[in-house]
Amino acid sequence: MSESAKKLSFKSMDFKFMAAYNQYSEKFEAAADEDRKTELNDVITQLHDEKISYPDFYNTLDRDIDDRNRFHRDKINTSRKFAYRENERKVDRIRRHK
């Protein structure tokens, strides 16, 4: 019988690694499968040894989440206050004279 996977701990942690380690801890405790726990241990060890990057680490953690829940960036269109007010006056003027 194989040995059960145990959660790893590291002595030297900077802020980015500590945030990654917190995510690792949550996923490790939620994992029911020993293979998944072993995979998580391998990934956090590789991150600590700087063999993989942080985006690769998070992609590995989130592989069980479907695409609709993943983070994505949307473009935010903005306007200056003057331009916004000018546009509102124009819309009000058109609405008033219809």
C-alpha atoms as a PDB file:
ATOM      1  CA  MET A   1       0.000   0.000   0.000  1.00  0.00           C
ATOM      2  CA  SER A   2       1.362   3.418  -0.909  1.00  0.00           C
ATOM      3  CA  GLU A   3       2.050   6.050   1.687  1.00  0.00           C
ATOM      4  CA  SER A   4      -0.620   8.752   2.004  1.00  0.00           C
ATOM      5  CA  ALA A   5       0.306  12.242   0.793  1.00  0.00           C
ATOM      6  CA  LYS A   6       0.889  14.812   3.525  1.00  0.00           C
ATOM      7  CA  LYS A   7       0.663  18.567   3.219  1.00  0.00           C
ATOM      8  CA  LEU A   8       4.076  20.174   2.804  1.00  0.00           C
ATOM      9  CA  SER A   9       5.375  23.199   4.668  1.00  0.00           C
ATOM     10  CA  PHE A  10       8.206  25.582   3.803  1.00  0.00           C
ATOM     11  CA  LYS A  11      10.324  27.785   6.037  1.00  0.00           C
ATOM     12  CA  SER A  12      11.196  30.617   3.658  1.00  0.00           C
ATOM     13  CA  MET A  13       8.143  32.212   2.070  1.00  0.00           C
ATOM     14  CA  ASP A  14       7.813  35.614   0.423  1.00  0.00           C
ATOM     15  CA  PHE A  15       4.413  37.238  -0.081  1.00  0.00           C
ATOM     16  CA  LYS A  16       3.723  35.767  -3.550  1.00  0.00           C
ATOM     17  CA  PHE A  17       4.692  32.288  -2.439  1.00  0.00           C
ATOM     18  CA  MET A  18       2.626  32.608   0.741  1.00  0.00           C
ATOM     19  CA  ALA A  19      -0.457  33.487  -1.336  1.00  0.00           C
ATOM     20  CA  ALA A  20       0.224  30.510  -3.606  1.00  0.00           C
ATOM     21  CA  TYR A  21       0.753  28.283  -0.561  1.00  0.00           C
ATOM     22  CA  ASN A  22      -2.633  29.342   0.868  1.00  0.00           C
ATOM     23  CA  GLN A  23      -4.324  28.331  -2.386  1.00  0.00           C
ATOM     24  CA  TYR A  24      -2.375  25.054  -2.342  1.00  0.00           C
ATOM     25  CA  SER A  25      -3.544  24.398   1.240  1.00  0.00           C
ATOM     26  CA  GLU A  26      -7.203  24.925   0.342  1.00  0.00           C
ATOM     27  CA  LYS A  27      -6.977  22.636  -2.678  1.00  0.00           C
ATOM     28  CA  PHE A  28      -5.012  20.016  -0.730  1.00  0.00           C
ATOM     29  CA  GLU A  29      -7.576  19.853   2.067  1.00  0.00           C
ATOM     30  CA  ALA A  30     -10.449  19.680  -0.437  1.00  0.00           C
ATOM     31  CA  ALA A  31      -8.829  16.925  -2.524  1.00  0.00           C
ATOM     32  CA  ALA A  32     -10.169  13.460  -1.853  1.00  0.00           C
ATOM     33  CA  ASP A  33      -7.916  11.558  -4.244  1.00  0.00           C
ATOM     34  CA  GLU A  34      -4.355  10.676  -3.173  1.00  0.00           C
ATOM     35  CA  ASP A  35      -3.118  11.171  -6.741  1.00  0.00           C
ATOM     36  CA  ARG A  36      -4.412  14.761  -6.727  1.00  0.00           C
ATOM     37  CA  LYS A  37      -2.698  15.425  -3.390  1.00  0.00           C
ATOM     38  CA  THR A  38       0.575  14.035  -4.755  1.00  0.00           C
ATOM     39  CA  GLU A  39       0.211  16.225  -7.845  1.00  0.00           C
ATOM     40  CA  LEU A  40      -0.378  19.284  -5.650  1.00  0.00           C
ATOM     41  CA  ASN A  41       2.712  18.441  -3.596  1.00  0.00           C
ATOM     42  CA  ASP A  42       4.794  18.153  -6.772  1.00  0.00           C
ATOM     43  CA  VAL A  43       3.524  21.457  -8.121  1.00  0.00           C
ATOM     44  CA  ILE A  44       4.165  23.431  -4.904  1.00  0.00           C
ATOM     45  CA  THR A  45       7.647  21.913  -4.648  1.00  0.00           C
ATOM     46  CA  GLN A  46       8.403  22.906  -8.247  1.00  0.00           C
ATOM     47  CA  LEU A  47       7.161  26.426  -7.531  1.00  0.00           C
ATOM     48  CA  HIS A  48       9.331  26.669  -4.431  1.00  0.00           C
ATOM     49  CA  ASP A  49      12.359  25.470  -6.422  1.00  0.00           C
ATOM     50  CA  GLU A  50      11.450  28.009  -9.174  1.00  0.00           C
ATOM     51  CA  LYS A  51      11.100  25.287 -11.814  1.00  0.00           C
ATOM     52  CA  ILE A  52       7.648  26.565 -12.867  1.00  0.00           C
ATOM     53  CA  SER A  53       6.100  30.033 -12.955  1.00  0.00           C
ATOM     54  CA  TYR A  54       3.191  31.305 -10.881  1.00  0.00           C
ATOM     55  CA  PRO A  55       0.725  31.282 -13.833  1.00  0.00           C
ATOM     56  CA  ASP A  56       1.608  27.637 -14.527  1.00  0.00           C
ATOM     57  CA  PHE A  57       1.110  26.848 -10.840  1.00  0.00           C
ATOM     58  CA  TYR A  58      -2.342  28.466 -10.760  1.00  0.00           C
ATOM     59  CA  ASN A  59      -3.342  26.776 -14.027  1.00  0.00           C
ATOM     60  CA  THR A  60      -2.495  23.422 -12.477  1.00  0.00           C
ATOM     61  CA  LEU A  61      -4.492  24.251  -9.353  1.00  0.00           C
ATOM     62  CA  ASP A  62      -7.506  25.340 -11.376  1.00  0.00           C
ATOM     63  CA  ARG A  63      -7.568  22.480 -13.855  1.00  0.00           C
ATOM     64  CA  ASP A  64     -10.726  21.068 -12.269  1.00  0.00           C
ATOM     65  CA  ILE A  65     -12.639  24.351 -12.652  1.00  0.00           C
ATOM     66  CA  ASP A  66     -14.574  24.808 -15.876  1.00  0.00           C
ATOM     67  CA  ASP A  67     -13.862  27.785 -18.159  1.00  0.00           C
ATOM     68  CA  ARG A  68     -16.883  29.861 -17.223  1.00  0.00           C
ATOM     69  CA  ASN A  69     -15.544  30.366 -13.691  1.00  0.00           C
ATOM     70  CA  ARG A  70     -12.021  31.333 -14.695  1.00  0.00           C
ATOM     71  CA  PHE A  71     -10.764  34.871 -14.361  1.00  0.00           C
ATOM     72  CA  HIS A  72     -10.726  36.938 -17.509  1.00  0.00           C
ATOM     73  CA  ARG A  73     -10.191  40.611 -18.185  1.00  0.00           C
ATOM     74  CA  ASP A  74     -12.827  42.831 -19.707  1.00  0.00           C
ATOM     75  CA  LYS A  75     -12.099  46.145 -21.319  1.00  0.00           C
ATOM     76  CA  ILE A  76     -13.578  49.072 -19.443  1.00  0.00           C
ATOM     77  CA  ASN A  77     -14.533  52.055 -21.588  1.00  0.00           C
ATOM     78  CA  THR A  78     -14.291  55.383 -19.816  1.00  0.00           C
ATOM     79  CA  SER A  79     -14.928  58.994 -20.709  1.00  0.00           C
ATOM     80  CA  ARG A  80     -13.976  62.314 -19.259  1.00  0.00           C
ATOM     81  CA  LYS A  81     -16.500  64.101 -17.092  1.00  0.00           C
ATOM     82  CA  PHE A  82     -16.900  66.902 -19.648  1.00  0.00           C
ATOM     83  CA  ALA A  83     -17.488  64.455 -22.519  1.00  0.00           C
ATOM     84  CA  TYR A  84     -20.017  62.500 -20.455  1.00  0.00           C
ATOM     85  CA  ARG A  85     -21.996  65.644 -19.581  1.00  0.00           C
ATOM     86  CA  GLU A  86     -21.893  66.857 -23.179  1.00  0.00           C
ATOM     87  CA  ASN A  87     -23.260  63.528 -24.383  1.00  0.00           C
ATOM     88  CA  GLU A  88     -26.022  63.584 -21.744  1.00  0.00           C
ATOM     89  CA  ARG A  89     -27.052  67.109 -22.822  1.00  0.00           C
ATOM     90  CA  LYS A  90     -27.218  65.949 -26.430  1.00  0.00           C
ATOM     91  CA  VAL A  91     -29.389  62.948 -25.540  1.00  0.00           C
ATOM     92  CA  ASP A  92     -31.694  65.150 -23.405  1.00  0.00           C
ATOM     93  CA  ARG A  93     -31.999  67.694 -26.233  1.00  0.00           C
ATOM     94  CA  ILE A  94     -32.940  64.983 -28.738  1.00  0.00           C
ATOM     95  CA  ARG A  95     -35.442  63.463 -26.302  1.00  0.00           C
ATOM     96  CA  ARG A  96     -36.992  66.877 -25.590  1.00  0.00           C
ATOM     97  CA  HIS A  97     -37.563  67.765 -29.278  1.00  0.00           C
ATOM     98  CA  LYS A  98     -38.985  64.454 -30.514  1.00  0.00           C
END
